[in-house]
């Protein structure tokens, strides 16, 4: 099958398929006499595997290792797969913790709203955001708007860093 057929079948773009070939996640296709790429079932299988991993937010470096483990078919490969998934799960747990913290801080901020559409002078959220922070007590949930915003900013920065890392992996 040609690249457009493979792309349609697997839900990838031809550019993505070429990129995966370039970085070695896909074996090179055989070439027809006219130099067109000719893809087979192995390419479909690999692209399905890669898509499944990407849907689980697994990066291309880890996918390369998992594909190697799959190809190897050994106990060591299975152990590597287990270890990679365990590490990925730990990262997901950390992100969930950060997002729950962000949610708690936003809920705290939201609690300052009286549910009325009011001007800036009487808006509880704006007033709280404009409050001068009290001295922060170690290991205490942030109570001032500045502490909440600092925590929110830090969680957003981490999320943006993670998104930027994923964007470096073009597909």
N, C-alpha and C. Protein backbone atom coordinates (compact mmCIF):
# COMPACT_ATOMS: atom_id res chain seq x y z
N UNK A 1 0.85 -1.18 0.00
CA UNK A 1 0.00 0.00 0.00
C UNK A 1 0.89 1.24 0.00
N UNK A 2 0.37 2.31 -0.51
CA UNK A 2 1.12 3.56 -0.57
C UNK A 2 0.90 4.35 0.72
N UNK A 3 1.69 5.40 0.87
CA UNK A 3 1.69 6.16 2.13
C UNK A 3 0.32 6.77 2.44
N UNK A 4 -0.38 7.25 1.44
CA UNK A 4 -1.70 7.86 1.70
C UNK A 4 -2.68 6.81 2.22
N UNK A 5 -2.57 5.57 1.72
CA UNK A 5 -3.44 4.49 2.18
C UNK A 5 -3.09 4.10 3.62
N UNK A 6 -1.80 4.03 3.89
CA UNK A 6 -1.35 3.72 5.24
C UNK A 6 -1.79 4.82 6.22
N UNK A 7 -1.65 6.05 5.80
CA UNK A 7 -2.05 7.18 6.63
C UNK A 7 -3.54 7.11 6.96
N UNK A 8 -4.34 6.86 5.95
CA UNK A 8 -5.78 6.77 6.16
C UNK A 8 -6.15 5.60 7.06
N UNK A 9 -5.51 4.48 6.85
CA UNK A 9 -5.80 3.27 7.62
C UNK A 9 -5.43 3.43 9.10
N UNK A 10 -4.33 4.12 9.37
CA UNK A 10 -3.83 4.22 10.74
C UNK A 10 -4.15 5.53 11.45
N UNK A 11 -4.73 6.48 10.73
CA UNK A 11 -5.07 7.76 11.36
C UNK A 11 -3.87 8.68 11.56
N UNK A 12 -2.81 8.46 10.80
CA UNK A 12 -1.64 9.32 10.84
C UNK A 12 -1.58 10.14 9.57
N UNK A 13 -0.74 11.15 9.57
CA UNK A 13 -0.51 11.91 8.35
C UNK A 13 0.70 11.31 7.64
N UNK A 14 0.81 11.52 6.34
CA UNK A 14 2.01 11.06 5.64
C UNK A 14 3.29 11.67 6.25
N UNK A 15 3.20 12.91 6.69
CA UNK A 15 4.36 13.56 7.31
C UNK A 15 4.79 12.83 8.57
N UNK A 16 3.81 12.43 9.38
CA UNK A 16 4.11 11.69 10.60
C UNK A 16 4.78 10.36 10.27
N UNK A 17 4.25 9.68 9.29
CA UNK A 17 4.81 8.39 8.89
C UNK A 17 6.25 8.57 8.42
N UNK A 18 6.49 9.58 7.60
CA UNK A 18 7.87 9.83 7.14
C UNK A 18 8.78 10.17 8.31
N UNK A 19 8.27 10.95 9.26
CA UNK A 19 9.06 11.30 10.44
C UNK A 19 9.41 10.05 11.24
N UNK A 20 8.44 9.19 11.47
CA UNK A 20 8.71 7.95 12.21
C UNK A 20 9.73 7.08 11.47
N UNK A 21 9.67 7.08 10.14
CA UNK A 21 10.70 6.37 9.36
C UNK A 21 12.06 7.00 9.61
N UNK A 22 12.10 8.32 9.52
CA UNK A 22 13.36 9.05 9.65
C UNK A 22 14.04 8.79 10.99
N UNK A 23 13.24 8.73 12.07
CA UNK A 23 13.84 8.54 13.39
C UNK A 23 13.96 7.06 13.78
N UNK A 24 13.57 6.19 12.88
CA UNK A 24 13.79 4.77 13.08
C UNK A 24 12.72 4.02 13.85
N UNK A 25 11.55 4.61 14.04
CA UNK A 25 10.46 3.89 14.70
C UNK A 25 9.77 2.93 13.75
N UNK A 26 9.86 3.21 12.47
CA UNK A 26 9.30 2.34 11.44
C UNK A 26 10.43 1.79 10.59
N UNK A 27 10.32 0.52 10.20
CA UNK A 27 11.34 -0.01 9.28
C UNK A 27 11.18 0.66 7.91
N UNK A 28 12.25 0.77 7.18
CA UNK A 28 12.12 1.38 5.86
C UNK A 28 11.19 0.54 4.98
N UNK A 29 10.32 1.19 4.24
CA UNK A 29 9.44 0.44 3.34
C UNK A 29 10.22 0.00 2.10
N UNK A 30 9.69 -0.99 1.44
CA UNK A 30 10.35 -1.37 0.20
C UNK A 30 9.94 -0.34 -0.85
N UNK A 31 10.76 -0.23 -1.86
CA UNK A 31 10.53 0.77 -2.90
C UNK A 31 10.09 0.08 -4.19
N UNK A 32 9.11 0.70 -4.83
CA UNK A 32 8.67 0.21 -6.13
C UNK A 32 9.65 0.69 -7.19
N UNK A 33 9.47 0.23 -8.42
CA UNK A 33 10.35 0.61 -9.53
C UNK A 33 10.34 2.13 -9.74
N UNK A 34 9.21 2.77 -9.47
CA UNK A 34 9.11 4.22 -9.64
C UNK A 34 9.57 4.98 -8.38
N UNK A 35 10.16 4.27 -7.42
CA UNK A 35 10.71 4.80 -6.17
C UNK A 35 9.64 5.18 -5.14
N UNK A 36 8.38 4.83 -5.38
CA UNK A 36 7.35 5.05 -4.37
C UNK A 36 7.56 4.08 -3.23
N UNK A 37 7.24 4.54 -2.02
CA UNK A 37 7.31 3.66 -0.86
C UNK A 37 6.15 2.67 -0.92
N UNK A 38 6.43 1.45 -0.55
CA UNK A 38 5.40 0.41 -0.50
C UNK A 38 5.36 -0.14 0.93
N UNK A 39 4.24 0.05 1.62
CA UNK A 39 4.10 -0.33 3.02
C UNK A 39 3.34 -1.63 3.15
N UNK A 40 3.58 -2.32 4.28
CA UNK A 40 2.91 -3.59 4.53
C UNK A 40 2.30 -3.64 5.92
N UNK A 41 1.91 -4.84 6.29
CA UNK A 41 1.23 -5.06 7.58
C UNK A 41 2.12 -4.68 8.77
N UNK A 42 3.43 -4.88 8.66
CA UNK A 42 4.33 -4.53 9.76
C UNK A 42 4.24 -3.03 10.06
N UNK A 43 4.06 -2.22 9.03
CA UNK A 43 3.96 -0.78 9.21
C UNK A 43 2.64 -0.41 9.89
N UNK A 44 1.58 -1.10 9.49
CA UNK A 44 0.28 -0.87 10.13
C UNK A 44 0.38 -1.22 11.61
N UNK A 45 0.95 -2.38 11.89
CA UNK A 45 1.07 -2.85 13.27
C UNK A 45 1.90 -1.87 14.12
N UNK A 46 3.04 -1.44 13.58
CA UNK A 46 3.92 -0.50 14.31
C UNK A 46 3.22 0.83 14.56
N UNK A 47 2.54 1.34 13.54
CA UNK A 47 1.85 2.62 13.71
C UNK A 47 0.72 2.52 14.72
N UNK A 48 0.02 1.39 14.74
CA UNK A 48 -1.02 1.19 15.75
C UNK A 48 -0.40 1.15 17.15
N UNK A 49 0.72 0.47 17.30
CA UNK A 49 1.43 0.40 18.57
C UNK A 49 1.85 1.81 19.01
N UNK A 50 2.45 2.56 18.09
CA UNK A 50 2.90 3.93 18.41
C UNK A 50 1.73 4.79 18.80
N UNK A 51 0.63 4.72 18.05
CA UNK A 51 -0.55 5.54 18.38
C UNK A 51 -1.09 5.19 19.76
N UNK A 52 -1.14 3.90 20.07
CA UNK A 52 -1.62 3.48 21.39
C UNK A 52 -0.74 4.09 22.48
N UNK A 53 0.57 4.01 22.28
CA UNK A 53 1.50 4.59 23.26
C UNK A 53 1.31 6.11 23.36
N UNK A 54 1.18 6.78 22.22
CA UNK A 54 1.02 8.25 22.24
C UNK A 54 -0.29 8.63 22.93
N UNK A 55 -1.33 7.82 22.75
CA UNK A 55 -2.60 8.08 23.45
C UNK A 55 -2.44 7.96 24.96
N UNK A 56 -1.44 7.20 25.39
CA UNK A 56 -1.13 7.07 26.82
C UNK A 56 -0.11 8.11 27.25
N UNK A 57 0.20 9.05 26.35
CA UNK A 57 1.14 10.15 26.62
C UNK A 57 2.56 9.65 26.84
N UNK A 58 2.89 8.57 26.20
CA UNK A 58 4.25 8.02 26.28
C UNK A 58 5.08 8.69 25.20
N UNK A 59 6.26 9.15 25.57
CA UNK A 59 7.14 9.87 24.65
C UNK A 59 7.80 8.95 23.64
N UNK A 60 8.35 9.57 22.60
CA UNK A 60 8.96 8.80 21.52
C UNK A 60 10.19 8.02 21.96
N UNK A 61 10.95 8.56 22.90
CA UNK A 61 12.12 7.84 23.41
C UNK A 61 11.68 6.54 24.08
N UNK A 62 10.64 6.64 24.91
CA UNK A 62 10.13 5.45 25.57
C UNK A 62 9.50 4.49 24.57
N UNK A 63 8.82 5.04 23.56
CA UNK A 63 8.21 4.19 22.54
C UNK A 63 9.30 3.40 21.81
N UNK A 64 10.41 4.06 21.52
CA UNK A 64 11.53 3.35 20.86
C UNK A 64 11.96 2.17 21.72
N UNK A 65 12.09 2.39 23.03
CA UNK A 65 12.50 1.30 23.93
C UNK A 65 11.45 0.19 23.97
N UNK A 66 10.18 0.58 24.00
CA UNK A 66 9.12 -0.42 24.04
C UNK A 66 9.07 -1.22 22.73
N UNK A 67 9.28 -0.55 21.61
CA UNK A 67 9.33 -1.27 20.33
C UNK A 67 10.50 -2.25 20.31
N UNK A 68 11.63 -1.82 20.87
CA UNK A 68 12.78 -2.72 20.96
C UNK A 68 12.45 -3.94 21.81
N UNK A 69 11.77 -3.69 22.92
CA UNK A 69 11.37 -4.80 23.80
C UNK A 69 10.40 -5.73 23.08
N UNK A 70 9.48 -5.15 22.33
CA UNK A 70 8.52 -5.95 21.56
C UNK A 70 9.25 -6.82 20.53
N UNK A 71 10.18 -6.20 19.82
CA UNK A 71 10.93 -6.93 18.81
C UNK A 71 11.79 -8.03 19.42
N UNK A 72 12.35 -7.72 20.58
CA UNK A 72 13.24 -8.67 21.26
C UNK A 72 12.48 -9.90 21.74
N UNK A 73 11.31 -9.68 22.31
CA UNK A 73 10.49 -10.78 22.79
C UNK A 73 11.10 -11.56 23.94
N UNK A 74 12.02 -10.95 24.66
CA UNK A 74 12.70 -11.65 25.75
C UNK A 74 12.15 -11.21 27.11
N UNK A 75 12.56 -11.92 28.12
CA UNK A 75 12.20 -11.57 29.50
C UNK A 75 12.75 -10.19 29.86
N UNK A 76 13.98 -9.89 29.40
CA UNK A 76 14.57 -8.58 29.67
C UNK A 76 13.74 -7.47 29.04
N UNK A 77 13.24 -7.74 27.83
CA UNK A 77 12.38 -6.76 27.17
C UNK A 77 11.09 -6.52 27.93
N UNK A 78 10.53 -7.60 28.44
CA UNK A 78 9.29 -7.48 29.24
C UNK A 78 9.57 -6.71 30.53
N UNK A 79 10.72 -6.98 31.14
CA UNK A 79 11.09 -6.25 32.36
C UNK A 79 11.26 -4.77 32.07
N UNK A 80 11.89 -4.46 30.94
CA UNK A 80 12.08 -3.06 30.53
C UNK A 80 10.72 -2.39 30.33
N UNK A 81 9.81 -3.07 29.65
CA UNK A 81 8.47 -2.53 29.42
C UNK A 81 7.78 -2.24 30.75
N UNK A 82 7.88 -3.18 31.68
CA UNK A 82 7.26 -2.98 33.00
C UNK A 82 7.87 -1.77 33.69
N UNK A 83 9.19 -1.65 33.65
CA UNK A 83 9.87 -0.54 34.30
C UNK A 83 9.48 0.80 33.68
N UNK A 84 9.43 0.85 32.35
CA UNK A 84 9.05 2.10 31.67
C UNK A 84 7.62 2.51 32.00
N UNK A 85 6.71 1.55 32.01
CA UNK A 85 5.32 1.87 32.32
C UNK A 85 5.20 2.31 33.78
N UNK A 86 5.94 1.66 34.67
CA UNK A 86 5.92 2.05 36.08
C UNK A 86 6.43 3.49 36.24
N UNK A 87 7.52 3.84 35.55
CA UNK A 87 8.04 5.20 35.61
C UNK A 87 7.03 6.20 35.05
N UNK A 88 6.40 5.84 33.95
CA UNK A 88 5.40 6.72 33.35
C UNK A 88 4.22 6.91 34.29
N UNK A 89 3.80 5.85 34.94
CA UNK A 89 2.71 5.94 35.90
C UNK A 89 3.07 6.87 37.05
N UNK A 90 4.30 6.81 37.51
CA UNK A 90 4.75 7.72 38.58
C UNK A 90 4.67 9.17 38.12
N UNK A 91 5.06 9.45 36.88
CA UNK A 91 4.97 10.81 36.34
C UNK A 91 3.51 11.26 36.24
N UNK A 92 2.65 10.37 35.82
CA UNK A 92 1.23 10.69 35.73
C UNK A 92 0.67 10.99 37.12
N UNK A 93 1.05 10.18 38.11
CA UNK A 93 0.60 10.43 39.49
C UNK A 93 1.06 11.79 39.98
N UNK A 94 2.29 12.17 39.67
CA UNK A 94 2.81 13.48 40.08
C UNK A 94 2.03 14.60 39.39
N UNK A 95 1.71 14.42 38.11
CA UNK A 95 0.92 15.44 37.41
C UNK A 95 -0.48 15.56 37.99
N UNK A 96 -1.07 14.42 38.34
CA UNK A 96 -2.41 14.44 38.95
C UNK A 96 -2.35 15.17 40.28
N UNK A 97 -1.31 14.91 41.07
CA UNK A 97 -1.15 15.60 42.35
C UNK A 97 -1.04 17.11 42.14
N UNK A 98 -0.24 17.52 41.16
CA UNK A 98 -0.09 18.94 40.86
C UNK A 98 -1.41 19.55 40.41
N UNK A 99 -2.13 18.84 39.56
CA UNK A 99 -3.42 19.36 39.09
C UNK A 99 -4.45 19.42 40.22
N UNK A 100 -4.44 18.45 41.12
CA UNK A 100 -5.35 18.50 42.27
C UNK A 100 -5.02 19.68 43.18
N UNK A 101 -3.72 19.95 43.34
CA UNK A 101 -3.30 21.11 44.13
C UNK A 101 -3.76 22.41 43.45
N UNK A 102 -3.57 22.48 42.15
CA UNK A 102 -4.03 23.64 41.40
C UNK A 102 -5.54 23.81 41.55
N UNK A 103 -6.27 22.71 41.45
CA UNK A 103 -7.73 22.76 41.60
C UNK A 103 -8.12 23.25 42.98
N UNK A 104 -7.44 22.76 44.02
CA UNK A 104 -7.74 23.19 45.39
C UNK A 104 -7.49 24.69 45.55
N UNK A 105 -6.40 25.17 44.98
CA UNK A 105 -6.10 26.61 45.09
C UNK A 105 -7.13 27.45 44.35
N UNK A 106 -7.55 26.98 43.19
CA UNK A 106 -8.57 27.71 42.45
C UNK A 106 -9.92 27.68 43.19
N UNK A 107 -10.24 26.55 43.80
CA UNK A 107 -11.48 26.46 44.59
C UNK A 107 -11.42 27.43 45.78
N UNK A 108 -10.24 27.51 46.42
CA UNK A 108 -10.08 28.47 47.52
C UNK A 108 -10.32 29.89 47.02
N UNK A 109 -9.80 30.20 45.86
CA UNK A 109 -9.98 31.52 45.28
C UNK A 109 -11.43 31.74 44.90
N UNK A 110 -12.04 30.72 44.33
CA UNK A 110 -13.45 30.82 43.93
C UNK A 110 -14.36 31.05 45.14
N UNK A 111 -13.97 30.54 46.30
CA UNK A 111 -14.78 30.68 47.51
C UNK A 111 -14.94 32.15 47.91
N UNK A 112 -14.11 33.01 47.39
CA UNK A 112 -14.22 34.44 47.71
C UNK A 112 -15.27 35.14 46.87
N UNK A 113 -15.88 34.42 45.95
CA UNK A 113 -16.91 34.99 45.09
C UNK A 113 -18.27 34.82 45.76
N UNK A 114 -19.05 35.86 45.70
CA UNK A 114 -20.39 35.80 46.28
C UNK A 114 -21.43 35.37 45.25
N UNK A 115 -20.97 35.08 44.02
CA UNK A 115 -21.89 34.63 42.98
C UNK A 115 -22.68 35.75 42.35
N UNK A 116 -22.29 36.97 42.62
CA UNK A 116 -22.99 38.12 42.04
C UNK A 116 -22.13 38.70 40.92
N UNK A 117 -22.80 39.24 39.95
CA UNK A 117 -22.08 40.00 38.94
C UNK A 117 -21.95 41.41 39.51
N UNK A 118 -20.74 41.74 39.87
CA UNK A 118 -20.53 43.00 40.54
C UNK A 118 -19.33 43.72 39.94
N UNK A 119 -19.11 44.91 40.37
CA UNK A 119 -17.97 45.69 39.90
C UNK A 119 -16.68 45.19 40.53
N UNK A 120 -15.57 45.68 39.99
CA UNK A 120 -14.25 45.26 40.46
C UNK A 120 -14.05 45.56 41.94
N UNK A 121 -14.65 46.66 42.44
CA UNK A 121 -14.43 47.02 43.85
C UNK A 121 -15.03 46.00 44.81
N UNK A 122 -16.14 45.37 44.41
CA UNK A 122 -16.80 44.45 45.33
C UNK A 122 -16.59 42.97 44.96
N UNK A 123 -15.80 42.70 43.96
CA UNK A 123 -15.57 41.31 43.55
C UNK A 123 -14.62 40.64 44.55
N UNK A 124 -15.12 39.58 45.18
CA UNK A 124 -14.32 38.87 46.18
C UNK A 124 -13.05 38.25 45.61
N UNK A 125 -13.13 37.74 44.39
CA UNK A 125 -11.95 37.13 43.78
C UNK A 125 -10.89 38.18 43.50
N UNK A 126 -11.30 39.30 42.89
CA UNK A 126 -10.33 40.36 42.62
C UNK A 126 -9.75 40.94 43.90
N UNK A 127 -10.61 41.07 44.91
CA UNK A 127 -10.11 41.58 46.20
C UNK A 127 -9.08 40.63 46.79
N UNK A 128 -9.35 39.34 46.72
CA UNK A 128 -8.41 38.36 47.26
C UNK A 128 -7.11 38.35 46.44
N UNK A 129 -7.24 38.46 45.13
CA UNK A 129 -6.04 38.51 44.29
C UNK A 129 -5.20 39.75 44.57
N UNK A 130 -5.86 40.78 45.05
CA UNK A 130 -5.18 42.05 45.31
C UNK A 130 -4.72 42.17 46.77
N UNK A 131 -4.92 41.12 47.57
CA UNK A 131 -4.56 41.16 48.99
C UNK A 131 -3.06 41.00 49.15
N UNK A 132 -2.50 41.76 50.06
CA UNK A 132 -1.08 41.63 50.36
C UNK A 132 -0.90 40.34 51.15
N UNK A 133 0.06 39.50 50.75
CA UNK A 133 0.20 38.20 51.41
C UNK A 133 0.73 38.31 52.84
N UNK A 134 0.22 37.43 53.67
CA UNK A 134 0.74 37.33 55.03
C UNK A 134 1.99 36.47 54.97
N UNK A 135 2.78 36.49 56.03
CA UNK A 135 3.96 35.64 56.06
C UNK A 135 3.52 34.19 55.90
N UNK A 136 4.20 33.51 55.03
CA UNK A 136 3.85 32.12 54.76
C UNK A 136 4.41 31.22 55.85
N UNK A 137 3.53 30.41 56.40
CA UNK A 137 3.93 29.43 57.40
C UNK A 137 4.33 28.17 56.66
N UNK A 138 5.49 27.57 56.97
CA UNK A 138 5.92 26.37 56.25
C UNK A 138 4.90 25.24 56.34
N UNK A 139 4.77 24.53 55.21
CA UNK A 139 3.89 23.36 55.10
C UNK A 139 2.43 23.68 55.41
N UNK A 140 2.01 24.89 55.13
CA UNK A 140 0.62 25.25 55.34
C UNK A 140 -0.01 25.54 53.99
N UNK A 141 -1.27 25.18 53.83
CA UNK A 141 -1.96 25.46 52.58
C UNK A 141 -1.97 26.97 52.36
N UNK A 142 -1.63 27.42 51.16
CA UNK A 142 -1.61 28.85 50.91
C UNK A 142 -2.99 29.46 51.13
N UNK A 143 -3.02 30.60 51.76
CA UNK A 143 -4.29 31.27 52.05
C UNK A 143 -4.40 32.62 51.34
N UNK A 144 -3.29 33.28 51.07
CA UNK A 144 -3.39 34.58 50.41
C UNK A 144 -3.47 34.37 48.91
N UNK A 145 -3.98 35.36 48.23
CA UNK A 145 -4.09 35.30 46.78
C UNK A 145 -2.72 35.14 46.14
N UNK A 146 -1.73 35.84 46.67
CA UNK A 146 -0.40 35.75 46.09
C UNK A 146 0.15 34.33 46.20
N UNK A 147 -0.06 33.69 47.35
CA UNK A 147 0.41 32.31 47.52
C UNK A 147 -0.32 31.38 46.58
N UNK A 148 -1.61 31.59 46.43
CA UNK A 148 -2.40 30.77 45.52
C UNK A 148 -1.91 30.97 44.09
N UNK A 149 -1.72 32.22 43.70
CA UNK A 149 -1.26 32.49 42.35
C UNK A 149 0.14 31.94 42.11
N UNK A 150 1.00 32.01 43.12
CA UNK A 150 2.34 31.45 42.99
C UNK A 150 2.24 29.94 42.75
N UNK A 151 1.39 29.27 43.54
CA UNK A 151 1.22 27.83 43.37
C UNK A 151 0.61 27.52 42.01
N UNK A 152 -0.38 28.32 41.60
CA UNK A 152 -1.01 28.13 40.30
C UNK A 152 0.02 28.34 39.19
N UNK A 153 0.80 29.41 39.31
CA UNK A 153 1.83 29.69 38.30
C UNK A 153 2.84 28.55 38.21
N UNK A 154 3.24 28.03 39.36
CA UNK A 154 4.21 26.93 39.36
C UNK A 154 3.60 25.69 38.70
N UNK A 155 2.36 25.38 39.00
CA UNK A 155 1.70 24.22 38.39
C UNK A 155 1.53 24.44 36.88
N UNK A 156 1.17 25.67 36.49
CA UNK A 156 1.03 25.97 35.07
C UNK A 156 2.38 25.86 34.37
N UNK A 157 3.45 26.34 35.02
CA UNK A 157 4.78 26.28 34.42
C UNK A 157 5.16 24.82 34.17
N UNK A 158 4.89 23.96 35.18
CA UNK A 158 5.21 22.55 35.01
C UNK A 158 4.40 21.93 33.88
N UNK A 159 3.12 22.31 33.80
CA UNK A 159 2.27 21.78 32.73
C UNK A 159 2.76 22.28 31.37
N UNK A 160 3.15 23.56 31.30
CA UNK A 160 3.68 24.11 30.04
C UNK A 160 4.99 23.44 29.66
N UNK A 161 5.84 23.18 30.66
CA UNK A 161 7.11 22.49 30.39
C UNK A 161 6.83 21.10 29.81
N UNK A 162 5.87 20.41 30.41
CA UNK A 162 5.52 19.08 29.92
C UNK A 162 4.95 19.16 28.49
N UNK A 163 4.10 20.18 28.24
CA UNK A 163 3.53 20.36 26.90
C UNK A 163 4.62 20.69 25.90
N UNK A 164 5.56 21.55 26.30
CA UNK A 164 6.66 21.91 25.41
C UNK A 164 7.50 20.69 25.08
N UNK A 165 7.70 19.83 26.07
CA UNK A 165 8.46 18.60 25.83
C UNK A 165 7.74 17.72 24.83
N UNK A 166 6.41 17.64 24.96
CA UNK A 166 5.64 16.83 24.02
C UNK A 166 5.66 17.44 22.62
N UNK A 167 5.71 18.79 22.54
CA UNK A 167 5.75 19.44 21.23
C UNK A 167 7.07 19.19 20.53
N UNK A 168 8.13 18.94 21.29
CA UNK A 168 9.41 18.62 20.66
C UNK A 168 9.33 17.31 19.92
N UNK A 169 8.38 16.50 20.33
CA UNK A 169 8.11 15.24 19.65
C UNK A 169 6.99 15.56 18.67
N UNK A 170 7.30 15.91 17.42
CA UNK A 170 6.34 16.51 16.51
C UNK A 170 5.06 15.73 16.28
N UNK A 171 5.11 14.44 16.45
CA UNK A 171 3.88 13.70 16.15
C UNK A 171 3.70 12.70 17.21
